[in-house]
Amino acid sequence: MSTPLFGTDGIRGKAGVYPLVDDMISRLGQVLASRLHCDFPNADTGHKVLIGHDGRASGESLAAAIAAGLASGGIDVDIVGLATTPCVAYLTYAGNYHGGVVISASHNPAADNGIKLLGHNGAKLEKAIEQDLESECLSDKQFAEHSRQGNIARCQDLCADYILWLRGEVFPDLDLSGQKILIDCANGAASEIAPRVMKAFGAEAILMHAAPNGSNINLDCGATKPQVCATEMLKHQYDAGLSLDGDADRGILCDNTGRILDGDTILAGLGQAMSQQQKLANNTVVATVMSNLALETYLKESGVTLLRTQVGDKYVAQEMRNGNHNLGGEKSGHILFGAEHGFRGDGLYTLLRVLQAMQSQKACLSDFAADYSDFPQILSNFKSTKRCSLEELPQLYAECKKIDSELAGRGRTVVRFSGTEMLLRLMVEADEIELVEQSLQRLEAAARRDKILAD
């Protein structure tokens, strides 16, 4: 049986190692071209796809490979170059492209890369469509060269349209004049666009890790290391801090006291504020199973319901679409704002939304969700020998049920396999740290009895 191509968030792996090799990625382009001709049979001006990438050394070659496959299938391609995932998503939608491609491995190290496919609406493709594309890629089907070779063009100036949209349409009244905002760009896709966005709103951007060289993306910086930004915030009188990941679809905030505001804190503050303003659709926030139990408790006190999905912002987005909700996200910093923002994670947009909320309340960022704090939580990652359902691990499954029963509202366990790495993730949270530590030890011991951990 062939190894699946698509995981939790598109195709992910080591650049230059199957499936992220030119032949397979070019074939993916051919498959995608064939699909676009079927989905849009009457495209008046031809079919066109937009491609962007983050700051990895392998980004250009992978972009060239999928562009070649698309062009051989008769699809015109615009390559925007270094661009954030939310920027490419917006441009795909607003520019009337039939699809978008982002070459990025998000928060992963520089040696990794990935392919995120977007529909004509700028949203990530549904799982069923990914599975269809995967079946075609892994089949023996041969694709004849299209009667018309697609054109491949460089269009690096397109990012200005994204900035104009933020400034002119989304936040026309937001004035950040005089504010100094520290942004850790993770040596990634936001390194060029972040200061332009801040300047458009009158703010001064102080940049950290904004010099991508192909090998330094996410290296001890960015959204996975928000304490780097927090430490710098304590040294200076900045108004706000933002830590982005490699493709800038997630953002972790930091206030002038060095307090880190992760996705749960952002959802807590915005959920409460939007509910009070009667702007929270269905008085509901959507999050994943990884969000802290304290978020659920905090929102409940404001009369807000928390719905949970499996891990992955695409699943949060799907639940939001299904229920017509307008706020959701992940603890890792993916925050989604419903149809008004195309259900896209966007670290820069999230910062602007929070600053807008503070400005309307005539408050500063240190006042945002000031009374929120997580329950103690520990997430441990272990190298695993395989991926399987929890029910196939009898010792671990039984121990999870036993601990959840013992905690009974005071805490919970979450056990899952990573969708992008061969890791087993064990998480426990409770109102007392001792309970967390003891429970986690029990889960690890049970996993070892099931022989699922790679020593």
Protein backbone atom coordinates (compact mmCIF):
# COMPACT_ATOMS: atom_id res chain seq x y z
CA MET A 1 0.00 0.00 0.00
CA SER A 2 1.41 3.43 -0.96
CA THR A 3 2.24 5.97 1.71
CA PRO A 4 -0.46 8.68 1.78
CA LEU A 5 0.53 12.02 0.29
CA PHE A 6 -1.82 14.32 2.18
CA GLY A 7 -1.74 14.69 5.95
CA THR A 8 -3.35 17.11 8.40
CA ASP A 9 -2.25 20.15 6.42
CA GLY A 10 -1.50 19.26 2.81
CA ILE A 11 1.64 17.36 1.80
CA ARG A 12 4.50 17.62 4.27
CA GLY A 13 7.94 16.05 4.48
CA LYS A 14 11.68 16.45 3.89
CA ALA A 15 12.47 18.51 0.80
CA GLY A 16 14.14 16.35 -1.83
CA VAL A 17 12.78 13.16 -0.30
CA TYR A 18 9.66 11.43 -1.69
CA PRO A 19 7.04 12.73 -2.08
CA LEU A 20 8.64 16.20 -2.20
CA VAL A 21 10.66 15.45 -5.32
CA ASP A 22 10.30 17.20 -8.66
CA ASP A 23 8.73 14.27 -10.53
CA MET A 24 5.94 13.76 -7.99
CA ILE A 25 5.26 17.47 -7.50
CA SER A 26 5.18 18.02 -11.26
CA ARG A 27 2.72 15.13 -11.54
CA LEU A 28 0.62 16.73 -8.81
CA GLY A 29 0.53 19.83 -11.02
CA GLN A 30 -0.72 17.73 -13.94
CA VAL A 31 -3.38 16.11 -11.79
CA LEU A 32 -4.49 19.48 -10.45
CA ALA A 33 -4.65 20.85 -14.01
CA SER A 34 -6.89 17.99 -15.08
CA ARG A 35 -9.15 18.58 -12.09
CA LEU A 36 -9.45 22.32 -12.82
CA HIS A 37 -10.49 21.66 -16.42
CA CYS A 38 -13.25 19.38 -15.11
CA ASP A 39 -14.38 21.72 -12.33
CA PHE A 40 -14.34 24.84 -14.52
CA PRO A 41 -15.15 23.63 -18.06
CA ASN A 42 -16.29 27.02 -19.31
CA ALA A 43 -13.53 29.31 -18.07
CA ASP A 44 -13.80 32.28 -20.43
CA THR A 45 -10.29 33.63 -20.00
CA GLY A 46 -8.47 30.34 -19.44
CA HIS A 47 -7.51 28.69 -16.19
CA LYS A 48 -5.05 30.33 -13.83
CA VAL A 49 -3.38 29.32 -10.54
CA LEU A 50 -1.39 31.46 -8.09
CA ILE A 51 1.73 30.11 -6.34
CA GLY A 52 3.61 31.53 -3.35
CA HIS A 53 6.25 30.17 -1.00
CA ASP A 54 7.93 30.87 2.33
CA GLY A 55 11.65 31.40 3.01
CA ARG A 56 13.00 27.86 2.56
CA ALA A 57 15.79 27.06 0.13
CA SER A 58 13.64 24.39 -1.52
CA GLY A 59 10.68 26.72 -2.11
CA GLU A 60 11.66 27.96 -5.57
CA SER A 61 12.41 24.51 -6.98
CA LEU A 62 9.15 23.02 -5.70
CA ALA A 63 7.24 26.03 -7.03
CA ALA A 64 8.91 25.53 -10.41
CA ALA A 65 8.03 21.82 -10.42
CA ILE A 66 4.33 22.23 -9.73
CA ALA A 67 4.16 25.22 -12.09
CA ALA A 68 5.65 23.06 -14.86
CA GLY A 69 3.04 20.36 -14.27
CA LEU A 70 0.23 22.89 -14.28
CA ALA A 71 1.52 24.58 -17.44
CA SER A 72 1.84 21.28 -19.28
CA GLY A 73 -1.84 20.77 -18.47
CA GLY A 74 -2.81 24.08 -20.04
CA ILE A 75 -3.00 26.15 -16.84
CA ASP A 76 -1.54 29.66 -16.63
CA VAL A 77 0.53 30.23 -13.50
CA ASP A 78 1.37 33.42 -11.61
CA ILE A 79 4.24 33.08 -9.13
CA VAL A 80 4.13 35.72 -6.43
CA GLY A 81 7.34 34.52 -4.74
CA LEU A 82 7.84 35.11 -1.02
CA ALA A 83 4.33 35.48 0.37
CA THR A 84 2.34 34.44 3.42
CA THR A 85 -0.30 31.74 3.19
CA PRO A 86 -3.13 34.21 4.05
CA CYS A 87 -1.85 36.63 1.41
CA VAL A 88 -1.89 33.91 -1.26
CA ALA A 89 -5.32 32.78 -0.04
CA TYR A 90 -6.77 36.28 -0.29
CA LEU A 91 -5.24 36.92 -3.72
CA THR A 92 -6.49 33.56 -5.00
CA TYR A 93 -10.03 34.54 -4.05
CA ALA A 94 -9.94 38.23 -4.94
CA GLY A 95 -7.92 37.76 -8.13
CA ASN A 96 -10.38 35.25 -9.56
CA TYR A 97 -7.81 32.47 -9.74
CA HIS A 98 -9.13 28.95 -10.11
CA GLY A 99 -6.79 27.71 -7.40
CA GLY A 100 -3.80 28.56 -5.25
CA VAL A 101 -0.67 26.75 -4.11
CA VAL A 102 1.47 27.58 -1.09
CA ILE A 103 4.89 25.96 -0.82
CA SER A 104 5.50 25.87 2.94
CA ALA A 105 5.99 23.59 5.92
CA SER A 106 4.61 26.24 8.27
CA HIS A 107 6.36 25.98 11.66
CA ASN A 108 8.58 23.03 10.70
CA PRO A 109 12.41 23.27 10.33
CA ALA A 110 14.05 24.52 7.14
CA ALA A 111 14.84 21.04 5.84
CA ASP A 112 11.12 20.29 5.62
CA ASN A 113 8.68 21.66 3.10
CA GLY A 114 5.12 21.12 2.00
CA ILE A 115 2.35 21.81 -0.46
CA LYS A 116 -0.92 23.47 0.56
CA LEU A 117 -3.60 23.50 -2.13
CA LEU A 118 -6.30 26.16 -2.12
CA GLY A 119 -9.63 26.28 -3.92
CA HIS A 120 -10.84 29.21 -6.01
CA ASN A 121 -12.31 30.71 -2.82
CA GLY A 122 -8.90 30.75 -1.14
CA ALA A 123 -9.84 27.99 1.31
CA LYS A 124 -7.91 24.78 1.84
CA LEU A 125 -9.27 21.90 -0.18
CA GLU A 126 -11.69 19.51 1.45
CA LYS A 127 -10.34 16.11 2.47
CA ALA A 128 -12.40 14.31 -0.19
CA ILE A 129 -10.84 16.40 -2.96
CA GLU A 130 -7.34 15.80 -1.57
CA GLN A 131 -8.06 12.07 -1.59
CA ASP A 132 -9.18 12.23 -5.23
CA LEU A 133 -6.01 14.09 -6.19
CA GLU A 134 -3.90 11.63 -4.23
CA SER A 135 -5.47 8.63 -5.98
CA GLU A 136 -4.73 10.20 -9.36
CA CYS A 137 -1.14 11.01 -8.37
CA LEU A 138 -0.47 7.47 -7.21
CA SER A 139 -2.18 5.80 -10.18
CA ASP A 140 -0.61 4.69 -13.46
CA LYS A 141 -2.68 7.18 -15.42
CA GLN A 142 -0.74 9.02 -18.11
CA PHE A 143 -1.46 12.68 -18.82
CA ALA A 144 -1.09 13.83 -22.40
CA GLU A 145 0.36 17.30 -22.85
CA HIS A 146 -2.43 19.82 -23.25
CA SER A 147 -3.03 21.37 -26.67
CA ARG A 148 -2.14 24.73 -25.15
CA GLN A 149 0.94 25.20 -22.97
CA GLY A 150 0.16 27.38 -19.97
CA ASN A 151 2.09 30.59 -19.37
CA ILE A 152 4.26 31.00 -16.23
CA ALA A 153 4.72 34.60 -15.03
CA ARG A 154 6.35 36.35 -12.06
CA CYS A 155 3.96 38.75 -10.29
CA GLN A 156 5.70 39.84 -7.07
CA ASP A 157 3.80 43.14 -6.86
CA LEU A 158 0.50 41.36 -6.15
CA CYS A 159 1.06 41.49 -2.38
CA ALA A 160 0.22 45.21 -2.48
CA ASP A 161 -3.40 44.23 -3.22
CA TYR A 162 -3.56 42.30 0.07
CA ILE A 163 -2.27 45.33 2.00
CA LEU A 164 -4.75 47.65 0.28
CA TRP A 165 -7.57 45.27 1.18
CA LEU A 166 -6.58 45.28 4.87
CA ARG A 167 -6.19 49.06 5.01
CA GLY A 168 -9.06 50.15 2.80
CA GLU A 169 -11.77 47.54 3.28
CA VAL A 170 -11.26 45.58 6.47
CA PHE A 171 -9.89 48.14 8.93
CA PRO A 172 -10.61 51.55 7.35
CA ASP A 173 -10.87 53.32 10.72
CA LEU A 174 -7.98 51.64 12.54
CA ASP A 175 -5.25 54.15 13.39
CA LEU A 176 -2.05 52.85 14.97
CA SER A 177 -0.11 56.09 14.61
CA GLY A 178 2.67 56.41 17.15
CA GLN A 179 2.59 52.74 18.15
CA LYS A 180 5.69 50.58 18.07
CA ILE A 181 5.00 46.95 17.29
CA LEU A 182 7.60 44.22 17.58
CA ILE A 183 7.21 41.45 15.00
CA ASP A 184 9.16 38.19 14.98
CA CYS A 185 8.87 37.08 11.34
CA ALA A 186 10.53 33.68 11.95
CA ASN A 187 12.78 34.37 8.93
CA GLY A 188 9.77 33.37 6.91
CA ALA A 189 7.12 34.55 4.49
CA ALA A 190 6.13 37.70 6.42
CA SER A 191 9.64 39.19 6.43
CA GLU A 192 8.87 41.60 3.59
CA ILE A 193 5.14 42.21 3.97
CA ALA A 194 4.86 42.70 7.75
CA PRO A 195 6.51 46.14 7.90
CA ARG A 196 4.46 47.28 4.89
CA VAL A 197 1.23 46.30 6.66
CA MET A 198 2.20 48.13 9.84
CA LYS A 199 3.23 51.23 7.91
CA ALA A 200 -0.16 51.27 6.17
CA PHE A 201 -1.78 51.72 9.59
CA GLY A 202 0.69 54.32 10.81
CA ALA A 203 2.60 52.04 13.16
CA GLU A 204 6.34 51.52 13.33
CA ALA A 205 7.34 47.88 12.91
CA ILE A 206 10.42 46.71 14.77
CA LEU A 207 11.43 43.45 13.12
CA MET A 208 13.14 40.38 14.50
CA HIS A 209 14.27 37.41 12.44
CA ALA A 210 13.26 38.98 9.13
CA ALA A 211 16.23 37.93 6.98
CA PRO A 212 15.39 34.55 5.40
CA ASN A 213 18.42 32.84 3.90
CA GLY A 214 16.86 29.51 3.05
CA SER A 215 18.05 27.67 6.14
CA ASN A 216 17.05 29.83 9.13
CA ILE A 217 13.26 29.73 8.97
CA ASN A 218 11.72 29.03 12.42
CA LEU A 219 15.21 28.56 13.87
CA ASP A 220 14.84 29.38 17.57
CA CYS A 221 12.29 32.06 16.77
CA GLY A 222 8.72 32.71 15.68
CA ALA A 223 5.39 31.37 16.89
CA THR A 224 6.88 28.19 18.33
CA LYS A 225 9.27 30.29 20.46
CA PRO A 226 7.13 33.25 21.62
CA GLN A 227 9.31 33.74 24.68
CA VAL A 228 11.95 35.22 22.34
CA CYS A 229 9.57 38.07 21.52
CA ALA A 230 8.45 38.34 25.15
CA THR A 231 12.03 38.74 26.36
CA GLU A 232 12.62 41.54 23.87
CA MET A 233 9.35 43.23 24.85
CA LEU A 234 10.59 43.54 28.42
CA LYS A 235 13.69 45.41 27.28
CA HIS A 236 11.83 48.14 25.40
CA GLN A 237 8.64 50.21 25.54
CA TYR A 238 6.80 48.57 22.65
CA ASP A 239 3.01 48.62 22.47
CA ALA A 240 2.52 45.07 21.21
CA GLY A 241 4.46 42.03 20.07
CA LEU A 242 3.64 39.40 17.47
CA SER A 243 5.37 36.08 16.80
CA LEU A 244 4.56 34.53 13.42
CA ASP A 245 5.32 31.08 12.05
CA GLY A 246 7.04 30.38 8.74
CA ASP A 247 4.02 31.07 6.53
CA ALA A 248 2.40 33.58 8.94
CA ASP A 249 -1.00 31.91 9.16
CA ARG A 250 -0.62 31.71 12.92
CA GLY A 251 0.32 34.40 15.39
CA ILE A 252 1.08 34.53 19.11
CA LEU A 253 0.77 37.97 20.73
CA CYS A 254 2.71 39.52 23.59
CA ASP A 255 1.89 42.60 25.67
CA ASN A 256 4.24 45.18 27.17
CA THR A 257 4.55 43.20 30.41
CA GLY A 258 5.92 40.18 28.58
CA ARG A 259 2.67 38.21 28.93
CA ILE A 260 2.29 35.76 26.05
CA LEU A 261 -1.18 35.58 24.48
CA ASP A 262 -1.55 32.26 22.71
CA GLY A 263 -4.53 31.12 20.64
CA ASP A 264 -6.63 30.23 23.68
CA THR A 265 -6.06 33.63 25.29
CA ILE A 266 -6.93 35.37 22.03
CA LEU A 267 -10.12 33.31 21.67
CA ALA A 268 -11.01 34.05 25.30
CA GLY A 269 -10.60 37.81 24.90
CA LEU A 270 -12.23 38.14 21.49
CA GLY A 271 -14.98 35.67 22.37
CA GLN A 272 -15.93 37.64 25.45
CA ALA A 273 -15.71 41.03 23.69
CA MET A 274 -17.67 39.93 20.63
CA SER A 275 -20.36 38.34 22.83
CA GLN A 276 -20.75 41.53 24.85
CA GLN A 277 -21.09 43.51 21.61
CA GLN A 278 -23.57 40.92 20.28
CA LYS A 279 -21.26 40.27 17.33
CA LEU A 280 -20.46 36.63 18.13
CA ALA A 281 -22.52 34.45 15.83
CA ASN A 282 -24.61 31.91 17.74
CA ASN A 283 -22.68 32.96 20.87
CA THR A 284 -20.27 30.17 19.97
CA VAL A 285 -16.51 29.77 19.62
CA VAL A 286 -14.99 26.81 17.75
CA ALA A 287 -11.67 25.33 18.90
CA THR A 288 -9.90 21.96 18.80
CA VAL A 289 -9.46 19.22 21.38
CA MET A 290 -6.08 20.79 22.20
CA SER A 291 -7.54 24.01 23.59
CA ASN A 292 -7.25 24.28 27.35
CA LEU A 293 -10.19 23.33 29.54
CA ALA A 294 -9.91 26.78 31.13
CA LEU A 295 -11.01 28.35 27.83
CA GLU A 296 -14.22 26.35 27.94
CA THR A 297 -14.84 27.38 31.56
CA TYR A 298 -14.00 31.05 30.90
CA LEU A 299 -16.32 31.35 27.91
CA LYS A 300 -19.11 29.50 29.70
CA GLU A 301 -19.07 32.17 32.42
CA SER A 302 -19.87 34.71 29.68
CA GLY A 303 -22.65 32.54 28.29
CA VAL A 304 -20.55 31.41 25.33
CA THR A 305 -20.49 27.82 24.06
CA LEU A 306 -17.20 26.19 23.02
CA LEU A 307 -17.39 23.59 20.26
CA ARG A 308 -14.39 21.32 19.72
CA THR A 309 -13.06 19.65 16.58
CA GLN A 310 -10.14 17.40 15.77
CA VAL A 311 -6.73 19.07 15.43
CA GLY A 312 -6.21 21.18 12.32
CA ASP A 313 -7.45 24.63 11.37
CA LYS A 314 -9.18 23.14 8.31
CA TYR A 315 -11.47 21.18 10.66
CA VAL A 316 -12.17 24.30 12.70
CA ALA A 317 -13.00 26.12 9.46
CA GLN A 318 -15.34 23.33 8.34
CA GLU A 319 -17.24 23.38 11.65
CA MET A 320 -17.51 27.16 11.42
CA ARG A 321 -18.91 26.93 7.89
CA ASN A 322 -21.37 24.21 8.87
CA GLY A 323 -22.67 26.17 11.85
CA ASN A 324 -22.26 29.69 10.44
CA HIS A 325 -19.89 30.69 13.26
CA ASN A 326 -17.51 33.64 13.06
CA LEU A 327 -14.78 32.96 15.62
CA GLY A 328 -12.61 29.89 16.04
CA GLY A 329 -9.05 28.71 16.12
CA GLU A 330 -6.28 26.70 17.67
CA LYS A 331 -4.13 27.17 20.75
CA SER A 332 -1.12 27.32 18.42
CA GLY A 333 -2.30 30.69 17.10
CA HIS A 334 -4.46 29.88 14.07
CA ILE A 335 -7.42 32.24 14.57
CA LEU A 336 -10.31 32.18 12.09
CA PHE A 337 -12.93 34.90 11.68
CA GLY A 338 -15.63 33.33 9.56
CA ALA A 339 -16.90 34.31 6.14
CA GLU A 340 -15.72 37.92 6.47
CA HIS A 341 -12.14 36.67 6.27
CA GLY A 342 -12.72 33.50 4.28
CA PHE A 343 -12.13 31.22 7.31
CA ARG A 344 -8.37 31.77 6.89
CA GLY A 345 -5.75 31.82 9.61
CA ASP A 346 -3.72 35.05 9.41
CA GLY A 347 -1.33 36.22 12.11
CA LEU A 348 -1.21 39.84 10.94
CA TYR A 349 -4.99 40.05 10.61
CA THR A 350 -5.37 38.60 14.12
CA LEU A 351 -3.07 41.28 15.53
CA LEU A 352 -5.10 44.00 13.83
CA ARG A 353 -8.39 42.57 15.13
CA VAL A 354 -7.12 42.49 18.70
CA LEU A 355 -5.69 46.01 18.47
CA GLN A 356 -8.98 47.19 16.98
CA ALA A 357 -10.85 45.67 19.95
CA MET A 358 -8.50 47.40 22.40
CA GLN A 359 -8.81 50.72 20.60
CA SER A 360 -12.61 50.58 20.74
CA GLN A 361 -12.38 49.97 24.49
CA LYS A 362 -9.73 52.71 24.92
CA ALA A 363 -7.52 50.09 26.54
CA CYS A 364 -4.06 48.69 25.96
CA LEU A 365 -3.03 45.13 25.13
CA SER A 366 -2.17 44.35 28.75
CA ASP A 367 -5.91 44.70 29.52
CA PHE A 368 -6.88 42.09 26.92
CA ALA A 369 -8.24 38.91 28.61
CA ALA A 370 -6.29 39.97 31.70
CA ASP A 371 -8.33 37.64 33.94
CA TYR A 372 -7.79 34.54 31.79
CA SER A 373 -5.23 31.85 32.60
CA ASP A 374 -4.81 28.25 31.50
CA PHE A 375 -5.20 25.26 33.74
CA PRO A 376 -1.82 23.54 34.20
CA GLN A 377 -1.11 21.48 31.10
CA ILE A 378 1.73 19.34 29.82
CA LEU A 379 2.05 18.11 26.25
CA SER A 380 4.72 15.49 25.66
CA ASN A 381 5.78 14.21 22.24
CA PHE A 382 7.19 10.73 21.76
CA LYS A 383 8.60 9.14 18.63
CA SER A 384 6.23 6.37 17.59
CA THR A 385 6.65 3.19 15.58
CA LYS A 386 3.39 3.72 13.63
CA ARG A 387 0.10 5.60 13.51
CA CYS A 388 -3.08 3.83 14.56
CA SER A 389 -6.38 4.41 16.34
CA LEU A 390 -6.36 4.68 20.13
CA GLU A 391 -8.62 1.64 20.32
CA GLU A 392 -5.75 -0.42 18.83
CA LEU A 393 -3.64 0.41 21.91
CA PRO A 394 -5.53 -1.40 24.71
CA GLN A 395 -3.28 -0.35 27.60
CA LEU A 396 -3.23 3.32 26.63
CA TYR A 397 -6.93 3.36 25.77
CA ALA A 398 -7.89 1.88 29.15
CA GLU A 399 -5.60 4.26 31.06
CA CYS A 400 -7.08 7.28 29.27
CA LYS A 401 -10.62 6.29 30.20
CA LYS A 402 -9.59 5.65 33.79
CA ILE A 403 -7.84 9.01 34.20
CA ASP A 404 -10.67 10.94 32.54
CA SER A 405 -13.11 9.29 34.92
CA GLU A 406 -10.97 10.17 37.94
CA LEU A 407 -10.55 13.81 36.89
CA ALA A 408 -14.29 14.18 36.17
CA GLY A 409 -14.48 17.84 35.14
CA ARG A 410 -11.27 18.88 36.90
CA GLY A 411 -9.17 17.92 33.90
CA ARG A 412 -8.82 15.69 30.88
CA THR A 413 -6.46 13.74 28.64
CA VAL A 414 -5.87 14.09 24.91
CA VAL A 415 -3.96 11.42 22.99
CA ARG A 416 -3.31 11.76 19.28
CA PHE A 417 -0.76 11.09 16.58
CA SER A 418 0.80 14.01 14.77
CA GLY A 419 -0.49 14.45 11.23
CA THR A 420 2.86 15.74 9.96
CA GLU A 421 5.47 13.81 11.98
CA MET A 422 5.78 10.27 13.34
CA LEU A 423 4.98 11.34 16.88
CA LEU A 424 2.56 10.29 19.58
CA ARG A 425 1.31 13.31 21.50
CA LEU A 426 0.19 12.82 25.10
CA MET A 427 -1.49 15.76 26.79
CA VAL A 428 -2.96 16.13 30.25
CA GLU A 429 -4.46 19.20 31.90
CA ALA A 430 -6.02 19.62 35.33
CA ASP A 431 -6.58 22.23 37.98
CA GLU A 432 -3.52 21.01 39.91
CA ILE A 433 -0.07 20.45 38.40
CA GLU A 434 0.52 17.34 40.53
CA LEU A 435 -2.47 15.65 38.91
CA VAL A 436 -1.10 16.56 35.47
CA GLU A 437 2.35 15.13 36.15
CA GLN A 438 1.07 11.92 37.73
CA SER A 439 -1.44 11.32 34.94
CA LEU A 440 1.13 11.91 32.23
CA GLN A 441 3.48 9.39 33.79
CA ARG A 442 0.68 6.84 33.79
CA LEU A 443 -0.09 7.48 30.11
CA GLU A 444 3.55 7.14 29.08
CA ALA A 445 3.87 3.87 31.01
CA ALA A 446 0.74 2.52 29.31
CA ALA A 447 2.04 3.54 25.87
CA ARG A 448 5.27 1.69 26.57
CA ARG A 449 3.32 -1.42 27.54
CA ASP A 450 1.59 -1.18 24.15
CA LYS A 451 5.06 -1.00 22.52
CA ILE A 452 4.05 2.02 20.43
CA LEU A 453 6.99 4.22 21.44
CA ALA A 454 10.21 4.13 19.42
CA ASP A 455 13.12 3.98 21.88
